[in-house]
Amino acid sequence: MIYKKLTYNKLTFDFDKNNLKKNILLCSYFSKEGHVPSALSILDILDVLYGRFINLSKLKKQCLDRDYFILSKGHGCLALYSVFLKYGLISSKNLFKFCNKDSILGGHPDSTKLKYIEASTGSLGHGLPFSLGISYAKKIKNLKGNVFTLIGDGECNEGTIWESAMIASHHSLNNLICLIDYNKSTNKFLNIDSLYKKFKSFGWSVDEINGHNKNQIFSSLKKKSNLPRVIICNTIKGKGVNFMENNPEWHHKSLTKEELLKIL
């Protein structure tokens, strides 16, 4: 299926590589799929990461000494796809087919369909141990490049996160950088208290920032350490859409035409 462009009052709304938020909203509207608030929560982080840190030339060539990024909270993948469009890794035609049966862009990232996706994710708690394996292999083979992973705060309820934290600290994997999308959406289920103190006690270098402030994101990612690093990014689920912000009703819900036009 190829979707028609949305036209209203002689205005046409189409994908625009430089308008990341609009692309997320249009993708969800056309497909009636996707987790929009989760994508808006992590969008600023991914934009800085791909725009300022990941060497896109090495990524396209699949060099072994490249930087790796794994989106552990796979349901936020609309942000990743929107950033991929901005930096020339996919085309707008791919976004038009989001979640279609023959699409390379699924509701969760699928590494079998697009080489720029390093791991198929979505099962919570899997991305950090997967990233740990890559970072440890890099150390063994003396390969350059960092391994970045973005996890949700809800994933910090999973035992695999803390097992990985212990192993990374034990092996001093200073090429491993974990970003936490701390939008506090799971606090009502289990309040995990201070992530800062927890990761510090596991032997990690810890930073805490505003996850929507691109200067803070850049400065934190630029820091060096002899330890594995975690950056706790305080974010807002649904950032930028007032009726979505911190509203659990919108976790997985499609926009109506009226709602989309109101936002745009």
C-alpha atoms as a PDB file:
ATOM      1  CA  MET A   1       0.000   0.000   0.000  1.00  0.00           C
ATOM      2  CA  ILE A   2       1.190   3.535  -0.822  1.00  0.00           C
ATOM      3  CA  TYR A   3      -0.557   6.188   1.209  1.00  0.00           C
ATOM      4  CA  LYS A   4      -1.999   9.367  -0.260  1.00  0.00           C
ATOM      5  CA  LYS A   5      -0.598  12.661   0.934  1.00  0.00           C
ATOM      6  CA  LEU A   6      -2.739  14.424   3.494  1.00  0.00           C
ATOM      7  CA  THR A   7      -4.316  17.560   2.032  1.00  0.00           C
ATOM      8  CA  TYR A   8      -6.325  20.121   3.985  1.00  0.00           C
ATOM      9  CA  ASN A   9      -7.379  23.631   2.904  1.00  0.00           C
ATOM     10  CA  LYS A  10      -5.096  23.356  -0.151  1.00  0.00           C
ATOM     11  CA  LEU A  11      -2.116  22.563   2.125  1.00  0.00           C
ATOM     12  CA  THR A  12      -0.322  19.247   1.593  1.00  0.00           C
ATOM     13  CA  PHE A  13       1.306  17.533   4.565  1.00  0.00           C
ATOM     14  CA  ASP A  14       4.121  15.231   3.480  1.00  0.00           C
ATOM     15  CA  PHE A  15       7.293  13.775   4.994  1.00  0.00           C
ATOM     16  CA  ASP A  16      10.121  16.275   5.456  1.00  0.00           C
ATOM     17  CA  LYS A  17      13.568  15.007   6.437  1.00  0.00           C
ATOM     18  CA  ASN A  18      14.208  18.119   8.525  1.00  0.00           C
ATOM     19  CA  ASN A  19      10.976  17.933  10.517  1.00  0.00           C
ATOM     20  CA  LEU A  20      11.486  14.905  12.741  1.00  0.00           C
ATOM     21  CA  LYS A  21       8.378  15.285  14.873  1.00  0.00           C
ATOM     22  CA  LYS A  22       6.073  15.731  11.885  1.00  0.00           C
ATOM     23  CA  ASN A  23       7.445  12.544  10.324  1.00  0.00           C
ATOM     24  CA  ILE A  24       6.632  10.561  13.475  1.00  0.00           C
ATOM     25  CA  LEU A  25       3.092  11.913  13.552  1.00  0.00           C
ATOM     26  CA  LEU A  26       2.436  11.315   9.836  1.00  0.00           C
ATOM     27  CA  CYS A  27       3.854   7.796  10.037  1.00  0.00           C
ATOM     28  CA  SER A  28       1.510   6.872  12.839  1.00  0.00           C
ATOM     29  CA  TYR A  29      -1.465   8.590  11.211  1.00  0.00           C
ATOM     30  CA  PHE A  30      -1.034   6.897   7.820  1.00  0.00           C
ATOM     31  CA  SER A  31      -0.355   3.432   9.229  1.00  0.00           C
ATOM     32  CA  LYS A  32      -2.588   3.570  12.334  1.00  0.00           C
ATOM     33  CA  GLU A  33       0.346   2.002  14.173  1.00  0.00           C
ATOM     34  CA  GLY A  34       3.278   3.044  16.328  1.00  0.00           C
ATOM     35  CA  HIS A  35       4.046   4.363  19.812  1.00  0.00           C
ATOM     36  CA  VAL A  36       4.119   8.114  19.282  1.00  0.00           C
ATOM     37  CA  PRO A  37       4.716   9.323  22.885  1.00  0.00           C
ATOM     38  CA  SER A  38       7.632   6.924  23.360  1.00  0.00           C
ATOM     39  CA  ALA A  39       9.177   8.133  20.099  1.00  0.00           C
ATOM     40  CA  LEU A  40       8.815  11.800  21.084  1.00  0.00           C
ATOM     41  CA  SER A  41      10.437  10.980  24.417  1.00  0.00           C
ATOM     42  CA  ILE A  42      13.713   9.830  22.830  1.00  0.00           C
ATOM     43  CA  LEU A  43      13.816  11.902  19.643  1.00  0.00           C
ATOM     44  CA  ASP A  44      16.248  14.600  20.802  1.00  0.00           C
ATOM     45  CA  ILE A  45      18.697  11.978  22.082  1.00  0.00           C
ATOM     46  CA  LEU A  46      18.771  10.072  18.802  1.00  0.00           C
ATOM     47  CA  ASP A  47      19.108  13.243  16.729  1.00  0.00           C
ATOM     48  CA  VAL A  48      22.240  14.288  18.643  1.00  0.00           C
ATOM     49  CA  LEU A  49      23.657  10.765  18.599  1.00  0.00           C
ATOM     50  CA  TYR A  50      23.376  10.276  14.826  1.00  0.00           C
ATOM     51  CA  GLY A  51      24.061  13.894  13.964  1.00  0.00           C
ATOM     52  CA  ARG A  52      27.158  14.404  16.103  1.00  0.00           C
ATOM     53  CA  PHE A  53      28.651  11.078  17.179  1.00  0.00           C
ATOM     54  CA  ILE A  54      27.971   8.067  14.956  1.00  0.00           C
ATOM     55  CA  ASN A  55      30.209   8.001  11.893  1.00  0.00           C
ATOM     56  CA  LEU A  56      27.627   7.525   9.144  1.00  0.00           C
ATOM     57  CA  SER A  57      30.231   6.701   6.495  1.00  0.00           C
ATOM     58  CA  LYS A  58      31.512   3.765   8.537  1.00  0.00           C
ATOM     59  CA  LEU A  59      27.947   2.717   9.327  1.00  0.00           C
ATOM     60  CA  LYS A  60      27.034   2.602   5.639  1.00  0.00           C
ATOM     61  CA  LYS A  61      30.165   0.557   4.876  1.00  0.00           C
ATOM     62  CA  GLN A  62      29.500  -1.702   7.905  1.00  0.00           C
ATOM     63  CA  CYS A  63      33.101  -1.327   9.086  1.00  0.00           C
ATOM     64  CA  LEU A  64      33.943  -3.434  12.134  1.00  0.00           C
ATOM     65  CA  ASP A  65      35.533  -0.461  13.899  1.00  0.00           C
ATOM     66  CA  ARG A  66      32.340   1.592  13.643  1.00  0.00           C
ATOM     67  CA  ASP A  67      30.146   2.902  16.421  1.00  0.00           C
ATOM     68  CA  TYR A  68      27.097   0.772  17.167  1.00  0.00           C
ATOM     69  CA  PHE A  69      23.678   1.899  18.375  1.00  0.00           C
ATOM     70  CA  ILE A  70      21.006  -0.437  19.705  1.00  0.00           C
ATOM     71  CA  LEU A  71      17.529   0.840  20.504  1.00  0.00           C
ATOM     72  CA  SER A  72      16.612  -1.487  23.327  1.00  0.00           C
ATOM     73  CA  LYS A  73      13.168   0.073  23.841  1.00  0.00           C
ATOM     74  CA  GLY A  74      12.188  -0.987  20.352  1.00  0.00           C
ATOM     75  CA  HIS A  75       8.632   0.318  20.536  1.00  0.00           C
ATOM     76  CA  GLY A  76      10.064   3.851  20.261  1.00  0.00           C
ATOM     77  CA  CYS A  77      11.370   3.040  16.775  1.00  0.00           C
ATOM     78  CA  LEU A  78       9.435   5.803  14.970  1.00  0.00           C
ATOM     79  CA  ALA A  79      12.026   8.222  16.376  1.00  0.00           C
ATOM     80  CA  LEU A  80      14.824   6.065  14.977  1.00  0.00           C
ATOM     81  CA  TYR A  81      13.210   5.872  11.536  1.00  0.00           C
ATOM     82  CA  SER A  82      12.624   9.623  11.457  1.00  0.00           C
ATOM     83  CA  VAL A  83      16.301  10.210  12.303  1.00  0.00           C
ATOM     84  CA  PHE A  84      17.313   7.643   9.650  1.00  0.00           C
ATOM     85  CA  LEU A  85      15.425   9.711   7.061  1.00  0.00           C
ATOM     86  CA  LYS A  86      17.128  12.933   8.176  1.00  0.00           C
ATOM     87  CA  TYR A  87      20.603  11.421   7.808  1.00  0.00           C
ATOM     88  CA  GLY A  88      19.997   9.618   4.516  1.00  0.00           C
ATOM     89  CA  LEU A  89      19.790   6.028   5.741  1.00  0.00           C
ATOM     90  CA  ILE A  90      16.258   5.470   4.394  1.00  0.00           C
ATOM     91  CA  SER A  91      13.876   7.295   2.037  1.00  0.00           C
ATOM     92  CA  SER A  92      10.451   8.799   2.602  1.00  0.00           C
ATOM     93  CA  LYS A  93       9.037   5.898   0.567  1.00  0.00           C
ATOM     94  CA  ASN A  94      10.100   3.625   3.413  1.00  0.00           C
ATOM     95  CA  LEU A  95       8.199   5.750   5.922  1.00  0.00           C
ATOM     96  CA  PHE A  96       5.074   5.624   3.765  1.00  0.00           C
ATOM     97  CA  LYS A  97       5.122   1.829   4.129  1.00  0.00           C
ATOM     98  CA  PHE A  98       5.735   1.726   7.890  1.00  0.00           C
ATOM     99  CA  CYS A  99       4.285  -1.463   9.376  1.00  0.00           C
ATOM    100  CA  ASN A 100       3.089  -2.845   6.022  1.00  0.00           C
ATOM    101  CA  LYS A 101       3.695  -6.554   5.527  1.00  0.00           C
ATOM    102  CA  ASP A 102       6.438  -5.980   2.947  1.00  0.00           C
ATOM    103  CA  SER A 103       8.036  -3.002   4.735  1.00  0.00           C
ATOM    104  CA  ILE A 104      11.608  -2.872   6.038  1.00  0.00           C
ATOM    105  CA  LEU A 105      10.316  -0.713   8.907  1.00  0.00           C
ATOM    106  CA  GLY A 106       8.317  -2.695  11.410  1.00  0.00           C
ATOM    107  CA  GLY A 107       6.626  -1.724  14.654  1.00  0.00           C
ATOM    108  CA  HIS A 108       9.844  -2.855  16.327  1.00  0.00           C
ATOM    109  CA  PRO A 109      13.308  -2.614  14.725  1.00  0.00           C
ATOM    110  CA  ASP A 110      14.189  -5.673  12.617  1.00  0.00           C
ATOM    111  CA  SER A 111      17.871  -6.230  11.848  1.00  0.00           C
ATOM    112  CA  THR A 112      17.050  -8.798   9.155  1.00  0.00           C
ATOM    113  CA  LYS A 113      15.401  -6.131   6.979  1.00  0.00           C
ATOM    114  CA  LEU A 114      17.706  -3.115   7.337  1.00  0.00           C
ATOM    115  CA  LYS A 115      21.461  -3.324   7.869  1.00  0.00           C
ATOM    116  CA  TYR A 116      21.590  -0.067   9.849  1.00  0.00           C
ATOM    117  CA  ILE A 117      19.597  -1.744  12.618  1.00  0.00           C
ATOM    118  CA  GLU A 118      22.123  -3.635  14.726  1.00  0.00           C
ATOM    119  CA  ALA A 119      19.655  -5.795  16.664  1.00  0.00           C
ATOM    120  CA  SER A 120      15.992  -6.780  16.545  1.00  0.00           C
ATOM    121  CA  THR A 121      14.582  -5.389  19.773  1.00  0.00           C
ATOM    122  CA  GLY A 122      11.413  -4.859  21.711  1.00  0.00           C
ATOM    123  CA  SER A 123      11.571  -7.583  24.342  1.00  0.00           C
ATOM    124  CA  LEU A 124      12.456  -5.443  27.342  1.00  0.00           C
ATOM    125  CA  GLY A 125      15.865  -5.856  28.911  1.00  0.00           C
ATOM    126  CA  HIS A 126      17.589  -7.397  25.877  1.00  0.00           C
ATOM    127  CA  GLY A 127      19.335  -4.385  24.340  1.00  0.00           C
ATOM    128  CA  LEU A 128      21.870  -3.747  27.098  1.00  0.00           C
ATOM    129  CA  PRO A 129      23.174  -7.346  27.291  1.00  0.00           C
ATOM    130  CA  PHE A 130      23.354  -7.443  23.481  1.00  0.00           C
ATOM    131  CA  SER A 131      25.344  -4.196  23.517  1.00  0.00           C
ATOM    132  CA  LEU A 132      27.527  -5.583  26.270  1.00  0.00           C
ATOM    133  CA  GLY A 133      28.494  -8.495  24.025  1.00  0.00           C
ATOM    134  CA  ILE A 134      29.505  -6.189  21.180  1.00  0.00           C
ATOM    135  CA  SER A 135      31.530  -3.907  23.457  1.00  0.00           C
ATOM    136  CA  TYR A 136      33.344  -6.871  25.036  1.00  0.00           C
ATOM    137  CA  ALA A 137      34.100  -8.328  21.589  1.00  0.00           C
ATOM    138  CA  LYS A 138      35.529  -4.969  20.541  1.00  0.00           C
ATOM    139  CA  LYS A 139      37.841  -5.028  23.551  1.00  0.00           C
ATOM    140  CA  ILE A 140      39.019  -8.569  22.791  1.00  0.00           C
ATOM    141  CA  LYS A 141      39.674  -7.738  19.125  1.00  0.00           C
ATOM    142  CA  ASN A 142      41.111  -4.296  19.898  1.00  0.00           C
ATOM    143  CA  LEU A 143      38.557  -2.577  17.646  1.00  0.00           C
ATOM    144  CA  LYS A 144      37.799   1.116  17.913  1.00  0.00           C
ATOM    145  CA  GLY A 145      34.322   2.550  18.257  1.00  0.00           C
ATOM    146  CA  ASN A 146      31.750   2.932  21.005  1.00  0.00           C
ATOM    147  CA  VAL A 147      28.601   0.928  21.616  1.00  0.00           C
ATOM    148  CA  PHE A 148      25.580   3.056  22.487  1.00  0.00           C
ATOM    149  CA  THR A 149      22.303   1.644  23.700  1.00  0.00           C
ATOM    150  CA  LEU A 150      19.089   3.373  24.739  1.00  0.00           C
ATOM    151  CA  ILE A 151      16.900   1.663  27.300  1.00  0.00           C
ATOM    152  CA  GLY A 152      13.642   2.683  28.936  1.00  0.00           C
ATOM    153  CA  ASP A 153      13.260   3.213  32.656  1.00  0.00           C
ATOM    154  CA  GLY A 154      10.777   0.341  32.678  1.00  0.00           C
ATOM    155  CA  GLU A 155      13.527  -1.926  31.406  1.00  0.00           C
ATOM    156  CA  CYS A 156      15.430  -1.202  34.602  1.00  0.00           C
ATOM    157  CA  ASN A 157      12.928  -3.514  36.311  1.00  0.00           C
ATOM    158  CA  GLU A 158      14.481  -6.408  34.358  1.00  0.00           C
ATOM    159  CA  GLY A 159      17.191  -8.552  35.927  1.00  0.00           C
ATOM    160  CA  THR A 160      19.175  -8.688  32.686  1.00  0.00           C
ATOM    161  CA  ILE A 161      19.911  -4.964  33.039  1.00  0.00           C
ATOM    162  CA  TRP A 162      21.624  -5.410  36.388  1.00  0.00           C
ATOM    163  CA  GLU A 163      23.432  -8.602  35.374  1.00  0.00           C
ATOM    164  CA  SER A 164      24.842  -6.664  32.424  1.00  0.00           C
ATOM    165  CA  ALA A 165      25.730  -3.749  34.692  1.00  0.00           C
ATOM    166  CA  MET A 166      27.825  -6.042  36.875  1.00  0.00           C
ATOM    167  CA  ILE A 167      29.634  -7.655  33.932  1.00  0.00           C
ATOM    168  CA  ALA A 168      30.354  -4.332  32.215  1.00  0.00           C
ATOM    169  CA  SER A 169      31.827  -2.917  35.403  1.00  0.00           C
ATOM    170  CA  HIS A 170      33.887  -6.049  36.086  1.00  0.00           C
ATOM    171  CA  HIS A 171      35.486  -5.854  32.630  1.00  0.00           C
ATOM    172  CA  SER A 172      35.834  -2.034  32.661  1.00  0.00           C
ATOM    173  CA  LEU A 173      34.010  -1.686  29.341  1.00  0.00           C
ATOM    174  CA  ASN A 174      34.573   2.026  28.841  1.00  0.00           C
ATOM    175  CA  ASN A 175      33.404   1.732  25.221  1.00  0.00           C
ATOM    176  CA  LEU A 176      29.842   1.021  26.427  1.00  0.00           C
ATOM    177  CA  ILE A 177      27.468   3.976  26.861  1.00  0.00           C
ATOM    178  CA  CYS A 178      23.933   3.339  28.071  1.00  0.00           C
ATOM    179  CA  LEU A 179      21.309   6.083  27.765  1.00  0.00           C
ATOM    180  CA  ILE A 180      18.183   5.777  29.888  1.00  0.00           C
ATOM    181  CA  ASP A 181      14.939   7.324  28.699  1.00  0.00           C
ATOM    182  CA  TYR A 182      13.763   8.267  32.170  1.00  0.00           C
ATOM    183  CA  ASN A 183      10.223   9.467  31.480  1.00  0.00           C
ATOM    184  CA  LYS A 184       8.962   7.875  34.709  1.00  0.00           C
ATOM    185  CA  SER A 185       6.034   6.239  32.924  1.00  0.00           C
ATOM    186  CA  THR A 186       6.411   3.014  34.927  1.00  0.00           C
ATOM    187  CA  ASN A 187       6.759   4.603  38.371  1.00  0.00           C
ATOM    188  CA  LYS A 188       3.121   3.848  39.094  1.00  0.00           C
ATOM    189  CA  PHE A 189       3.953   0.140  38.765  1.00  0.00           C
ATOM    190  CA  LEU A 190       7.370   0.104  40.425  1.00  0.00           C
ATOM    191  CA  ASN A 191       9.212   3.194  41.621  1.00  0.00           C
ATOM    192  CA  ILE A 192      12.874   2.315  41.151  1.00  0.00           C
ATOM    193  CA  ASP A 193      14.067   5.309  43.193  1.00  0.00           C
ATOM    194  CA  SER A 194      17.491   6.744  42.355  1.00  0.00           C
ATOM    195  CA  LEU A 195      18.918   5.262  39.167  1.00  0.00           C
ATOM    196  CA  TYR A 196      21.949   7.482  39.747  1.00  0.00           C
ATOM    197  CA  LYS A 197      22.791   5.777  43.055  1.00  0.00           C
ATOM    198  CA  LYS A 198      22.007   2.323  41.719  1.00  0.00           C
ATOM    199  CA  PHE A 199      24.330   2.510  38.696  1.00  0.00           C
ATOM    200  CA  LYS A 200      26.989   4.235  40.793  1.00  0.00           C
ATOM    201  CA  SER A 201      26.900   1.334  43.233  1.00  0.00           C
ATOM    202  CA  PHE A 202      27.395  -1.067  40.289  1.00  0.00           C
ATOM    203  CA  GLY A 203      30.642   0.690  39.391  1.00  0.00           C
ATOM    204  CA  TRP A 204      29.503   2.821  36.444  1.00  0.00           C
ATOM    205  CA  SER A 205      30.283   6.426  35.627  1.00  0.00           C
ATOM    206  CA  VAL A 206      26.927   8.197  35.909  1.00  0.00           C
ATOM    207  CA  ASP A 207      25.614  11.451  34.458  1.00  0.00           C
ATOM    208  CA  GLU A 208      22.096  12.891  34.740  1.00  0.00           C
ATOM    209  CA  ILE A 209      20.738  15.416  32.255  1.00  0.00           C
ATOM    210  CA  ASN A 210      17.659  16.947  30.635  1.00  0.00           C
ATOM    211  CA  GLY A 211      16.972  14.504  27.792  1.00  0.00           C
ATOM    212  CA  HIS A 212      15.388  17.251  25.654  1.00  0.00           C
ATOM    213  CA  ASN A 213      18.284  19.710  25.954  1.00  0.00           C
ATOM    214  CA  LYS A 214      20.537  18.997  22.983  1.00  0.00           C
ATOM    215  CA  ASN A 215      23.477  20.912  24.458  1.00  0.00           C
ATOM    216  CA  GLN A 216      23.357  18.787  27.594  1.00  0.00           C
ATOM    217  CA  ILE A 217      23.006  15.586  25.557  1.00  0.00           C
ATOM    218  CA  PHE A 218      26.025  16.543  23.438  1.00  0.00           C
ATOM    219  CA  SER A 219      28.179  17.537  26.423  1.00  0.00           C
ATOM    220  CA  SER A 220      27.371  14.351  28.305  1.00  0.00           C
ATOM    221  CA  LEU A 221      28.059  12.065  25.331  1.00  0.00           C
ATOM    222  CA  LYS A 222      31.388  13.802  24.797  1.00  0.00           C
ATOM    223  CA  LYS A 223      32.707  12.908  28.259  1.00  0.00           C
ATOM    224  CA  LYS A 224      35.331  10.194  28.688  1.00  0.00           C
ATOM    225  CA  SER A 225      35.756   7.619  31.441  1.00  0.00           C
ATOM    226  CA  ASN A 226      37.654   4.450  32.241  1.00  0.00           C
ATOM    227  CA  LEU A 227      34.351   2.907  33.312  1.00  0.00           C
ATOM    228  CA  PRO A 228      31.175   1.959  31.447  1.00  0.00           C
ATOM    229  CA  ARG A 229      28.973   5.047  31.318  1.00  0.00           C
ATOM    230  CA  VAL A 230      25.285   5.614  31.858  1.00  0.00           C
ATOM    231  CA  ILE A 231      23.452   8.842  31.044  1.00  0.00           C
ATOM    232  CA  ILE A 232      20.117   9.231  32.803  1.00  0.00           C
ATOM    233  CA  CYS A 233      18.015  11.382  30.478  1.00  0.00           C
ATOM    234  CA  ASN A 234      15.054  12.990  32.209  1.00  0.00           C
ATOM    235  CA  THR A 235      12.381  13.116  29.528  1.00  0.00           C
ATOM    236  CA  ILE A 236       8.672  13.668  28.994  1.00  0.00           C
ATOM    237  CA  LYS A 237       6.651  10.966  27.307  1.00  0.00           C
ATOM    238  CA  GLY A 238       4.831  12.603  24.386  1.00  0.00           C
ATOM    239  CA  LYS A 239       7.071  15.688  24.527  1.00  0.00           C
ATOM    240  CA  GLY A 240       5.666  18.575  22.472  1.00  0.00           C
ATOM    241  CA  VAL A 241       2.042  17.412  22.198  1.00  0.00           C
ATOM    242  CA  ASN A 242       0.178  18.764  25.213  1.00  0.00           C
ATOM    243  CA  PHE A 243      -2.641  16.207  25.278  1.00  0.00           C
ATOM    244  CA  MET A 244      -0.160  13.326  24.962  1.00  0.00           C
ATOM    245  CA  GLU A 245       2.412  14.410  27.532  1.00  0.00           C
ATOM    246  CA  ASN A 246       2.554  11.903  30.420  1.00  0.00           C
ATOM    247  CA  ASN A 247      -0.886  10.593  29.415  1.00  0.00           C
ATOM    248  CA  PRO A 248      -0.912   6.758  29.565  1.00  0.00           C
ATOM    249  CA  GLU A 249      -3.983   6.659  27.299  1.00  0.00           C
ATOM    250  CA  TRP A 250      -1.695   7.531  24.385  1.00  0.00           C
ATOM    251  CA  HIS A 251       0.919   4.808  24.883  1.00  0.00           C
ATOM    252  CA  HIS A 252      -0.201   3.013  21.705  1.00  0.00           C
ATOM    253  CA  LYS A 253      -2.975   4.967  20.020  1.00  0.00           C
ATOM    254  CA  SER A 254      -3.447   6.405  16.547  1.00  0.00           C
ATOM    255  CA  LEU A 255      -4.190  10.029  15.780  1.00  0.00           C
ATOM    256  CA  THR A 256      -7.422  11.079  14.121  1.00  0.00           C
ATOM    257  CA  LYS A 257      -7.211  13.503  11.203  1.00  0.00           C
ATOM    258  CA  GLU A 258      -8.525  16.302  13.413  1.00  0.00           C
ATOM    259  CA  GLU A 259      -5.929  15.629  16.122  1.00  0.00           C
ATOM    260  CA  LEU A 260      -3.112  15.463  13.590  1.00  0.00           C
ATOM    261  CA  LEU A 261      -4.089  18.743  11.933  1.00  0.00           C
ATOM    262  CA  LYS A 262      -4.405  20.400  15.336  1.00  0.00           C
ATOM    263  CA  ILE A 263      -0.825  19.405  16.210  1.00  0.00           C
ATOM    264  CA  LEU A 264       0.618  20.316  12.808  1.00  0.00           C
END
